[in-house]
């Protein structure tokens, strides 16, 4: 999915073949986004590929798992982090790319538009998934915290099933989309 040079047909075939492995269908699609690393064009492209493949069903079955929870301050929540605007790692990436281009005023205005685009994209993505997000601290050694994170993800998977009337995303749906 992250291969931006792959055709949509190639991606669709791979998704269809993958869904065929699950005879009862897919309970949820987990889209993993790191708070640590840069949000790249490939990630945007992957989201677009999934949207093209699954249509409206994509959002109905999607949970966003943010990794890198250890990046948050002690009392900061994921909601706080995202509401502050564009996460710093995204700002740094966007500003770095644009600073390489030039220092003209048009580039500075493009920086603002790009940061605004990423903020809007993340907010729209979260909203389209009915705000089904979970945060994982990959580095924690606290067994209770790890268990809690997994339980939260499983709760959201169950929520997806309930919202979809206990219907899974099936291979037939994938062939219909194809």
Protein backbone atom coordinates (compact mmCIF):
# COMPACT_ATOMS: atom_id res chain seq x y z
CA UNK A 1 0.00 0.00 0.00
CA UNK A 2 2.87 2.40 0.70
CA UNK A 3 4.43 1.85 -2.72
CA UNK A 4 3.33 5.04 -4.44
CA UNK A 5 4.47 3.67 -7.81
CA UNK A 6 2.19 0.62 -7.57
CA UNK A 7 -0.96 0.78 -9.66
CA UNK A 8 -4.33 0.78 -7.97
CA UNK A 9 -5.09 -2.49 -9.78
CA UNK A 10 -1.97 -4.10 -8.26
CA UNK A 11 -2.93 -2.88 -4.79
CA UNK A 12 -6.55 -4.01 -5.31
CA UNK A 13 -5.40 -7.50 -6.32
CA UNK A 14 -3.19 -7.76 -3.23
CA UNK A 15 -5.97 -6.58 -0.93
CA UNK A 16 -8.44 -9.00 -2.54
CA UNK A 17 -5.97 -11.88 -2.16
CA UNK A 18 -5.36 -10.92 1.47
CA UNK A 19 -9.06 -10.74 2.29
CA UNK A 20 -9.53 -14.18 0.73
CA UNK A 21 -7.47 -15.57 3.62
CA UNK A 22 -10.19 -14.52 6.05
CA UNK A 23 -13.25 -16.57 5.09
CA UNK A 24 -15.48 -14.77 7.61
CA UNK A 25 -14.32 -11.34 6.51
CA UNK A 26 -12.33 -8.57 8.14
CA UNK A 27 -13.57 -7.20 11.44
CA UNK A 28 -11.64 -3.94 11.19
CA UNK A 29 -8.95 -2.18 9.21
CA UNK A 30 -6.21 -0.73 11.41
CA UNK A 31 -4.39 2.22 9.89
CA UNK A 32 -1.12 2.75 11.77
CA UNK A 33 0.30 6.27 12.01
CA UNK A 34 3.44 7.12 13.95
CA UNK A 35 3.65 10.22 16.12
CA UNK A 36 7.44 9.94 15.92
CA UNK A 37 8.06 9.88 12.22
CA UNK A 38 7.10 12.09 9.38
CA UNK A 39 3.71 11.85 7.73
CA UNK A 40 4.84 11.21 4.19
CA UNK A 41 3.40 11.42 0.70
CA UNK A 42 3.40 7.62 0.73
CA UNK A 43 1.11 7.58 3.76
CA UNK A 44 -1.22 10.05 2.07
CA UNK A 45 -1.08 7.87 -1.05
CA UNK A 46 -1.82 4.74 0.96
CA UNK A 47 -4.86 6.40 2.47
CA UNK A 48 -6.02 7.45 -1.00
CA UNK A 49 -5.51 3.88 -2.29
CA UNK A 50 -7.56 2.48 0.59
CA UNK A 51 -10.28 5.05 -0.02
CA UNK A 52 -10.33 4.20 -3.73
CA UNK A 53 -10.46 0.48 -2.97
CA UNK A 54 -12.93 0.43 -0.12
CA UNK A 55 -14.97 3.55 -0.84
CA UNK A 56 -17.27 4.47 2.03
CA UNK A 57 -16.62 1.09 3.63
CA UNK A 58 -13.05 2.10 4.41
CA UNK A 59 -14.02 4.64 7.06
CA UNK A 60 -16.79 2.41 8.40
CA UNK A 61 -14.29 -0.33 9.22
CA UNK A 62 -11.22 1.72 10.13
CA UNK A 63 -9.44 2.30 13.42
CA UNK A 64 -6.43 4.61 13.53
CA UNK A 65 -3.63 3.33 15.75
CA UNK A 66 -1.14 6.04 16.65
CA UNK A 67 2.22 4.65 17.75
CA UNK A 68 4.89 6.53 19.65
CA UNK A 69 2.77 7.33 22.68
CA UNK A 70 5.97 7.74 24.69
CA UNK A 71 6.46 11.03 22.79
CA UNK A 72 3.64 12.62 24.80
CA UNK A 73 4.29 14.56 27.98
CA UNK A 74 3.29 12.82 31.22
CA UNK A 75 -0.16 14.40 31.49
CA UNK A 76 -0.77 14.94 27.77
CA UNK A 77 -3.43 12.89 25.98
CA UNK A 78 -3.56 11.98 22.30
CA UNK A 79 -6.45 14.41 21.92
CA UNK A 80 -4.36 17.20 23.47
CA UNK A 81 -1.46 16.36 21.19
CA UNK A 82 -3.57 16.43 18.04
CA UNK A 83 -5.60 19.48 19.08
CA UNK A 84 -2.40 21.50 19.45
CA UNK A 85 -2.39 21.47 15.69
CA UNK A 86 0.08 19.74 13.51
CA UNK A 87 2.40 17.45 15.46
CA UNK A 88 5.93 18.86 15.54
CA UNK A 89 7.36 15.98 13.49
CA UNK A 90 4.96 16.86 10.68
CA UNK A 91 5.80 20.56 10.89
CA UNK A 92 9.52 19.83 10.77
CA UNK A 93 9.13 17.64 7.68
CA UNK A 94 6.98 20.16 5.84
CA UNK A 95 9.20 23.10 6.73
CA UNK A 96 12.34 21.17 5.77
CA UNK A 97 10.95 20.22 2.36
CA UNK A 98 9.87 23.77 1.63
CA UNK A 99 13.10 25.34 2.89
CA UNK A 100 14.99 23.23 0.38
CA UNK A 101 12.89 24.74 -2.39
CA UNK A 102 13.61 28.41 -1.64
CA UNK A 103 12.98 31.15 0.87
CA UNK A 104 10.58 33.21 -1.24
CA UNK A 105 7.32 34.56 0.17
CA UNK A 106 5.35 32.17 -2.05
CA UNK A 107 7.12 29.24 -0.38
CA UNK A 108 6.40 30.67 3.07
CA UNK A 109 2.71 30.88 2.19
CA UNK A 110 2.92 27.34 0.79
CA UNK A 111 4.32 26.20 4.17
CA UNK A 112 1.25 27.55 5.92
CA UNK A 113 -1.05 25.88 3.38
CA UNK A 114 0.82 22.56 3.67
CA UNK A 115 0.71 22.55 7.48
CA UNK A 116 -2.98 23.49 7.33
CA UNK A 117 -3.55 20.68 4.82
CA UNK A 118 -1.94 18.07 7.08
CA UNK A 119 -3.91 19.31 10.10
CA UNK A 120 -7.15 19.21 8.10
CA UNK A 121 -6.28 15.81 6.63
CA UNK A 122 -5.64 14.28 10.05
CA UNK A 123 -8.79 15.81 11.51
CA UNK A 124 -10.89 14.65 8.54
CA UNK A 125 -9.38 11.18 8.74
CA UNK A 126 -10.14 10.88 12.45
CA UNK A 127 -13.67 12.24 11.96
CA UNK A 128 -14.37 9.90 9.03
CA UNK A 129 -13.48 6.94 11.27
CA UNK A 130 -15.95 8.09 13.94
CA UNK A 131 -13.00 9.18 16.08
CA UNK A 132 -11.93 5.56 16.58
CA UNK A 133 -8.33 6.12 17.59
CA UNK A 134 -6.04 4.32 19.96
CA UNK A 135 -2.61 5.32 21.20
CA UNK A 136 0.21 2.82 21.69
CA UNK A 137 3.31 3.47 23.75
CA UNK A 138 5.64 1.01 22.06
CA UNK A 139 8.40 1.37 24.64
CA UNK A 140 6.49 0.89 27.87
CA UNK A 141 7.53 -1.97 30.10
CA UNK A 142 4.40 -1.54 32.20
CA UNK A 143 2.45 -4.77 31.63
CA UNK A 144 -0.83 -3.17 32.76
CA UNK A 145 -0.38 -0.31 30.28
CA UNK A 146 0.36 -2.74 27.43
CA UNK A 147 -2.71 -4.79 28.32
CA UNK A 148 -4.82 -1.64 28.52
CA UNK A 149 -3.68 -0.54 25.06
CA UNK A 150 -4.58 -3.92 23.55
CA UNK A 151 -7.95 -3.92 25.34
CA UNK A 152 -8.69 -0.45 23.94
CA UNK A 153 -7.92 -1.66 20.42
CA UNK A 154 -10.13 -4.73 20.87
CA UNK A 155 -12.90 -2.53 22.27
CA UNK A 156 -12.71 -0.42 19.11
CA UNK A 157 -12.79 -3.54 16.91
CA UNK A 158 -15.95 -4.59 18.74
CA UNK A 159 -17.34 -1.08 18.25
CA UNK A 160 -16.72 -1.38 14.49
CA UNK A 161 -18.64 -4.66 14.45
CA UNK A 162 -21.56 -3.18 16.40
CA UNK A 163 -21.71 -0.09 14.18
CA UNK A 164 -21.76 -2.34 11.10
CA UNK A 165 -24.48 -4.64 12.42
CA UNK A 166 -21.98 -7.46 13.12
CA UNK A 167 -21.16 -7.56 9.40
CA UNK A 168 -17.52 -8.02 8.52
CA UNK A 169 -15.83 -6.62 5.46
CA UNK A 170 -15.82 -9.67 3.20
CA UNK A 171 -13.88 -10.83 0.19
CA UNK A 172 -17.11 -10.39 -1.82
CA UNK A 173 -17.22 -6.71 -0.84
CA UNK A 174 -13.62 -6.39 -1.98
CA UNK A 175 -14.45 -7.96 -5.35
CA UNK A 176 -17.43 -5.61 -5.66
CA UNK A 177 -15.16 -2.63 -5.04
CA UNK A 178 -12.68 -4.00 -7.60
